[in-house]
């Protein structure tokens, strides 16, 4: 697929993912991904504007969050990573911010869909 932005938390209507917060993103039917028959999506995930170091975990919505890092980030440095994620409940993929800083542990997340795999 041509890369297509499906979420940018820098938009005022969305807002950064807070420390320990979760973001659920619909991927089916967006950016060239079909509405059905999709098992997983290929994403380019970018973390930016982090106040302190942490990581993002990406997993299928509706399933238990794994103890894994999909993308590590540090303050003041945007960082991107390719992630392949199974599609979960309602065509969504979930993102979790591990950042547990006592002061402003939020991070902005940008998600571009770049491909998909059949179920």
N, C-alpha and C. Protein backbone atom coordinates (compact mmCIF):
# COMPACT_ATOMS: atom_id res chain seq x y z
N UNK A 1 0.83 -1.20 0.00
CA UNK A 1 0.00 0.00 0.00
C UNK A 1 0.87 1.24 0.00
N UNK A 2 0.31 2.32 -0.49
CA UNK A 2 0.95 3.61 -0.29
C UNK A 2 0.75 3.97 1.19
N UNK A 3 1.77 4.46 1.87
CA UNK A 3 1.60 4.82 3.29
C UNK A 3 0.43 5.78 3.47
N UNK A 4 -0.38 5.51 4.48
CA UNK A 4 -1.55 6.34 4.76
C UNK A 4 -1.66 6.54 6.27
N UNK A 5 -1.72 7.78 6.69
CA UNK A 5 -1.82 8.11 8.12
C UNK A 5 -3.21 7.76 8.64
N UNK A 6 -3.27 6.93 9.68
CA UNK A 6 -4.56 6.58 10.28
C UNK A 6 -4.76 7.24 11.63
N UNK A 7 -3.69 7.74 12.25
CA UNK A 7 -3.84 8.51 13.48
C UNK A 7 -2.62 9.39 13.69
N UNK A 8 -2.87 10.58 14.25
CA UNK A 8 -1.82 11.51 14.65
C UNK A 8 -2.33 12.18 15.91
N UNK A 9 -1.79 11.79 17.05
CA UNK A 9 -2.30 12.30 18.33
C UNK A 9 -1.94 13.76 18.57
N UNK A 10 -1.15 14.35 17.68
CA UNK A 10 -0.86 15.78 17.81
C UNK A 10 -2.09 16.62 17.47
N UNK A 11 -3.07 16.03 16.81
CA UNK A 11 -4.31 16.74 16.50
C UNK A 11 -5.05 17.05 17.80
N UNK A 12 -5.55 18.26 17.95
CA UNK A 12 -6.23 18.64 19.19
C UNK A 12 -7.41 17.72 19.55
N UNK A 13 -8.06 17.17 18.55
CA UNK A 13 -9.22 16.31 18.82
C UNK A 13 -8.83 14.94 19.36
N UNK A 14 -7.55 14.59 19.29
CA UNK A 14 -7.10 13.27 19.76
C UNK A 14 -6.31 13.42 21.05
N UNK A 15 -5.17 14.08 21.01
CA UNK A 15 -4.34 14.29 22.20
C UNK A 15 -3.35 13.18 22.43
N UNK A 16 -2.24 13.52 23.06
CA UNK A 16 -1.15 12.57 23.33
C UNK A 16 -1.64 11.40 24.19
N UNK A 17 -0.91 10.29 24.10
CA UNK A 17 -1.21 9.12 24.92
C UNK A 17 -0.52 9.33 26.27
N UNK A 18 -1.32 9.39 27.33
CA UNK A 18 -0.79 9.66 28.67
C UNK A 18 0.00 8.47 29.19
N UNK A 19 0.79 8.71 30.23
CA UNK A 19 1.57 7.64 30.86
C UNK A 19 0.63 6.52 31.30
N UNK A 20 0.93 5.32 30.90
CA UNK A 20 0.08 4.17 31.23
C UNK A 20 -1.20 4.13 30.44
N UNK A 21 -1.37 5.05 29.48
CA UNK A 21 -2.60 5.14 28.70
C UNK A 21 -2.61 4.24 27.49
N UNK A 22 -3.81 4.00 26.99
CA UNK A 22 -4.02 3.13 25.83
C UNK A 22 -4.76 3.90 24.74
N UNK A 23 -4.40 3.60 23.50
CA UNK A 23 -5.03 4.20 22.33
C UNK A 23 -5.46 3.06 21.42
N UNK A 24 -6.75 3.01 21.07
CA UNK A 24 -7.28 1.99 20.17
C UNK A 24 -7.53 2.64 18.81
N UNK A 25 -6.97 2.03 17.75
CA UNK A 25 -7.03 2.61 16.42
C UNK A 25 -7.69 1.64 15.45
N UNK A 26 -8.73 2.11 14.75
CA UNK A 26 -9.37 1.31 13.71
C UNK A 26 -8.46 1.30 12.49
N UNK A 27 -8.15 0.09 11.99
CA UNK A 27 -7.31 -0.02 10.79
C UNK A 27 -8.05 -0.62 9.61
N UNK A 28 -9.09 -1.42 9.87
CA UNK A 28 -9.84 -2.01 8.76
C UNK A 28 -10.62 -0.93 8.03
N UNK A 29 -10.58 -1.00 6.69
CA UNK A 29 -11.31 -0.03 5.89
C UNK A 29 -10.65 1.33 5.79
N UNK A 30 -9.40 1.43 6.22
CA UNK A 30 -8.69 2.72 6.19
C UNK A 30 -7.35 2.57 5.46
N UNK A 31 -6.98 3.57 4.69
CA UNK A 31 -5.68 3.58 4.04
C UNK A 31 -5.45 2.46 3.05
N UNK A 32 -6.52 1.93 2.48
CA UNK A 32 -6.38 0.84 1.51
C UNK A 32 -6.50 -0.55 2.10
N UNK A 33 -6.67 -0.64 3.42
CA UNK A 33 -6.86 -1.94 4.07
C UNK A 33 -8.33 -2.34 3.88
N UNK A 34 -8.60 -3.56 3.39
CA UNK A 34 -10.00 -3.98 3.21
C UNK A 34 -10.77 -4.04 4.53
N UNK A 35 -12.09 -4.08 4.43
CA UNK A 35 -12.95 -4.18 5.61
C UNK A 35 -13.02 -5.58 6.18
N UNK A 36 -12.64 -6.59 5.38
CA UNK A 36 -12.70 -7.98 5.86
C UNK A 36 -11.58 -8.79 5.25
N UNK A 37 -11.35 -9.96 5.82
CA UNK A 37 -10.33 -10.86 5.30
C UNK A 37 -8.91 -10.50 5.68
N UNK A 38 -8.76 -9.56 6.61
CA UNK A 38 -7.43 -9.10 7.03
C UNK A 38 -7.06 -9.75 8.36
N UNK A 39 -5.87 -10.37 8.40
CA UNK A 39 -5.40 -10.97 9.64
C UNK A 39 -4.47 -10.07 10.41
N UNK A 40 -3.64 -9.30 9.68
CA UNK A 40 -2.66 -8.42 10.33
C UNK A 40 -2.37 -7.23 9.42
N UNK A 41 -1.86 -6.18 10.02
CA UNK A 41 -1.48 -4.99 9.27
C UNK A 41 0.00 -4.68 9.51
N UNK A 42 0.60 -4.02 8.53
CA UNK A 42 1.97 -3.54 8.65
C UNK A 42 1.88 -2.04 8.88
N UNK A 43 2.49 -1.58 9.96
CA UNK A 43 2.38 -0.18 10.37
C UNK A 43 3.76 0.45 10.49
N UNK A 44 3.83 1.73 10.22
CA UNK A 44 4.99 2.52 10.59
C UNK A 44 4.51 3.36 11.77
N UNK A 45 5.09 3.12 12.94
CA UNK A 45 4.68 3.80 14.17
C UNK A 45 5.78 4.77 14.58
N UNK A 46 5.39 6.02 14.85
CA UNK A 46 6.35 7.05 15.26
C UNK A 46 5.93 7.60 16.62
N UNK A 47 6.90 7.70 17.53
CA UNK A 47 6.69 8.34 18.83
C UNK A 47 7.45 9.66 18.79
N UNK A 48 6.79 10.73 19.23
CA UNK A 48 7.43 12.04 19.24
C UNK A 48 6.93 12.86 20.43
N UNK A 49 7.65 13.89 20.77
CA UNK A 49 7.28 14.79 21.88
C UNK A 49 7.23 14.09 23.23
N UNK A 50 8.02 13.05 23.41
CA UNK A 50 8.07 12.35 24.70
C UNK A 50 8.78 13.22 25.72
N UNK A 51 8.25 13.23 26.92
CA UNK A 51 8.85 14.01 28.00
C UNK A 51 9.93 13.21 28.71
N UNK A 52 9.76 11.89 28.78
CA UNK A 52 10.76 11.02 29.37
C UNK A 52 10.78 9.70 28.61
N UNK A 53 11.80 8.90 28.84
CA UNK A 53 11.98 7.65 28.11
C UNK A 53 10.88 6.64 28.43
N UNK A 54 10.57 5.82 27.46
CA UNK A 54 9.56 4.78 27.64
C UNK A 54 9.47 3.92 26.40
N UNK A 55 8.38 3.17 26.28
CA UNK A 55 8.17 2.37 25.08
C UNK A 55 6.68 2.23 24.79
N UNK A 56 6.38 1.91 23.53
CA UNK A 56 5.02 1.61 23.11
C UNK A 56 4.90 0.12 22.88
N UNK A 57 3.79 -0.44 23.30
CA UNK A 57 3.45 -1.82 22.99
C UNK A 57 2.26 -1.79 22.04
N UNK A 58 2.33 -2.57 20.97
CA UNK A 58 1.26 -2.64 19.98
C UNK A 58 0.74 -4.07 19.97
N UNK A 59 -0.60 -4.25 20.00
CA UNK A 59 -1.19 -5.59 20.02
C UNK A 59 -2.62 -5.54 19.51
N UNK A 60 -3.22 -6.71 19.22
CA UNK A 60 -4.60 -6.74 18.73
C UNK A 60 -5.58 -6.33 19.82
N UNK A 61 -6.43 -5.36 19.53
CA UNK A 61 -7.44 -4.91 20.48
C UNK A 61 -8.32 -6.09 20.90
N UNK A 62 -8.66 -6.13 22.17
CA UNK A 62 -9.53 -7.18 22.69
C UNK A 62 -8.77 -8.37 23.25
N UNK A 63 -7.47 -8.42 23.04
CA UNK A 63 -6.63 -9.48 23.59
C UNK A 63 -5.79 -8.90 24.71
N UNK A 64 -5.20 -9.77 25.53
CA UNK A 64 -4.36 -9.31 26.62
C UNK A 64 -3.11 -8.62 26.09
N UNK A 65 -2.72 -7.53 26.75
CA UNK A 65 -1.53 -6.80 26.34
C UNK A 65 -0.28 -7.63 26.64
N UNK A 66 0.59 -7.82 25.66
CA UNK A 66 1.82 -8.59 25.91
C UNK A 66 2.84 -7.76 26.68
N UNK A 67 3.78 -8.44 27.29
CA UNK A 67 4.89 -7.76 27.97
C UNK A 67 6.01 -7.62 26.95
N UNK A 68 5.85 -6.69 26.04
CA UNK A 68 6.81 -6.52 24.95
C UNK A 68 6.88 -5.06 24.54
N UNK A 69 7.99 -4.69 23.96
CA UNK A 69 8.19 -3.35 23.44
C UNK A 69 8.13 -3.40 21.92
N UNK A 70 7.32 -2.55 21.32
CA UNK A 70 7.26 -2.45 19.87
C UNK A 70 8.10 -1.27 19.37
N UNK A 71 8.30 -0.28 20.24
CA UNK A 71 9.02 0.94 19.88
C UNK A 71 9.52 1.61 21.15
N UNK A 72 10.81 1.84 21.25
CA UNK A 72 11.39 2.54 22.40
C UNK A 72 11.60 4.00 22.05
N UNK A 73 11.36 4.90 23.01
CA UNK A 73 11.54 6.32 22.75
C UNK A 73 12.23 7.02 23.91
N UNK A 74 12.82 8.18 23.60
CA UNK A 74 13.49 9.03 24.58
C UNK A 74 13.01 10.46 24.37
N UNK A 75 13.18 11.32 25.36
CA UNK A 75 12.72 12.70 25.20
C UNK A 75 13.49 13.44 24.10
N UNK A 76 12.75 14.30 23.40
CA UNK A 76 13.38 15.19 22.43
C UNK A 76 13.84 14.54 21.14
N UNK A 77 13.52 13.27 20.91
CA UNK A 77 13.97 12.61 19.69
C UNK A 77 12.84 11.77 19.10
N UNK A 78 12.28 12.21 17.96
CA UNK A 78 11.27 11.37 17.31
C UNK A 78 11.91 10.05 16.87
N UNK A 79 11.17 8.97 17.01
CA UNK A 79 11.69 7.66 16.60
C UNK A 79 10.56 6.87 15.96
N UNK A 80 10.89 6.13 14.90
CA UNK A 80 9.89 5.34 14.18
C UNK A 80 10.35 3.88 14.12
N UNK A 81 9.37 2.98 13.95
CA UNK A 81 9.67 1.56 13.81
C UNK A 81 8.56 0.90 13.00
N UNK A 82 8.92 -0.11 12.25
CA UNK A 82 7.92 -0.91 11.54
C UNK A 82 7.37 -1.95 12.50
N UNK A 83 6.05 -2.12 12.47
CA UNK A 83 5.38 -3.05 13.37
C UNK A 83 4.36 -3.86 12.56
N UNK A 84 4.37 -5.17 12.73
CA UNK A 84 3.33 -6.03 12.16
C UNK A 84 2.44 -6.42 13.33
N UNK A 85 1.14 -6.12 13.21
CA UNK A 85 0.21 -6.37 14.31
C UNK A 85 -1.03 -7.11 13.81
N UNK A 86 -1.40 -8.14 14.53
CA UNK A 86 -2.66 -8.82 14.27
C UNK A 86 -3.80 -7.83 14.52
N UNK A 87 -4.84 -7.91 13.70
CA UNK A 87 -5.99 -7.03 13.88
C UNK A 87 -6.94 -7.67 14.89
N UNK A 88 -7.40 -6.88 15.84
CA UNK A 88 -8.25 -7.38 16.90
C UNK A 88 -9.71 -7.03 16.73
N UNK A 89 -10.41 -6.99 17.84
CA UNK A 89 -11.84 -6.74 17.91
C UNK A 89 -12.20 -5.45 17.17
N UNK A 90 -13.28 -5.50 16.40
CA UNK A 90 -13.79 -4.33 15.68
C UNK A 90 -12.77 -3.72 14.72
N UNK A 91 -11.79 -4.53 14.25
CA UNK A 91 -10.81 -4.04 13.29
C UNK A 91 -9.81 -3.07 13.88
N UNK A 92 -9.52 -3.21 15.18
CA UNK A 92 -8.65 -2.27 15.87
C UNK A 92 -7.32 -2.89 16.30
N UNK A 93 -6.34 -2.00 16.41
CA UNK A 93 -5.04 -2.32 16.99
C UNK A 93 -4.86 -1.37 18.17
N UNK A 94 -4.30 -1.87 19.27
CA UNK A 94 -4.13 -1.06 20.49
C UNK A 94 -2.67 -0.66 20.68
N UNK A 95 -2.49 0.52 21.29
CA UNK A 95 -1.17 1.06 21.60
C UNK A 95 -1.16 1.44 23.07
N UNK A 96 -0.08 1.09 23.79
CA UNK A 96 0.04 1.40 25.22
C UNK A 96 1.35 2.11 25.48
N UNK A 97 1.28 3.19 26.25
CA UNK A 97 2.46 3.98 26.62
C UNK A 97 2.96 3.51 27.98
N UNK A 98 4.14 2.91 28.00
CA UNK A 98 4.72 2.40 29.25
C UNK A 98 5.22 3.49 30.17
N UNK A 99 5.40 4.67 29.62
CA UNK A 99 6.05 5.76 30.32
C UNK A 99 5.39 6.00 31.68
N UNK A 100 6.17 5.80 32.74
CA UNK A 100 5.60 5.96 34.08
C UNK A 100 6.21 7.14 34.83
N UNK A 101 6.69 8.12 34.06
CA UNK A 101 7.26 9.31 34.67
C UNK A 101 6.21 10.00 35.54
N UNK A 102 6.57 10.45 36.74
CA UNK A 102 5.60 11.12 37.60
C UNK A 102 5.18 12.48 37.06
N UNK A 103 5.95 13.03 36.11
CA UNK A 103 5.59 14.32 35.52
C UNK A 103 5.46 14.19 34.01
N UNK A 104 4.26 14.41 33.54
CA UNK A 104 4.00 14.49 32.12
C UNK A 104 4.64 13.37 31.31
N UNK A 105 4.24 12.15 31.54
CA UNK A 105 4.78 11.01 30.83
C UNK A 105 4.10 10.73 29.51
N UNK A 106 3.47 11.73 28.91
CA UNK A 106 2.74 11.51 27.67
C UNK A 106 3.68 11.46 26.47
N UNK A 107 3.16 10.90 25.37
CA UNK A 107 3.90 10.83 24.11
C UNK A 107 2.90 10.93 22.97
N UNK A 108 3.29 11.63 21.91
CA UNK A 108 2.45 11.67 20.72
C UNK A 108 2.79 10.48 19.84
N UNK A 109 1.75 9.93 19.21
CA UNK A 109 1.90 8.73 18.39
C UNK A 109 1.32 9.00 17.00
N UNK A 110 2.11 8.67 15.98
CA UNK A 110 1.67 8.76 14.60
C UNK A 110 1.68 7.34 14.04
N UNK A 111 0.61 6.96 13.36
CA UNK A 111 0.50 5.61 12.82
C UNK A 111 0.15 5.69 11.34
N UNK A 112 1.02 5.09 10.52
CA UNK A 112 0.78 4.98 9.08
C UNK A 112 0.62 3.50 8.75
N UNK A 113 -0.44 3.17 8.01
CA UNK A 113 -0.62 1.80 7.55
C UNK A 113 0.12 1.70 6.22
N UNK A 114 0.93 0.63 6.06
CA UNK A 114 1.73 0.47 4.85
C UNK A 114 1.51 -0.88 4.16
N UNK A 115 0.73 -1.76 4.79
CA UNK A 115 0.46 -3.05 4.19
C UNK A 115 -0.46 -3.90 5.05
N UNK A 116 -0.83 -5.06 4.53
CA UNK A 116 -1.69 -5.97 5.30
C UNK A 116 -1.48 -7.40 4.81
N UNK A 117 -1.86 -8.35 5.69
CA UNK A 117 -1.79 -9.78 5.39
C UNK A 117 -3.20 -10.37 5.51
N UNK A 118 -3.51 -11.30 4.63
CA UNK A 118 -4.82 -11.96 4.66
C UNK A 118 -4.96 -12.82 5.92
N UNK A 119 -6.19 -12.96 6.36
CA UNK A 119 -6.48 -13.78 7.55
C UNK A 119 -6.16 -15.25 7.25
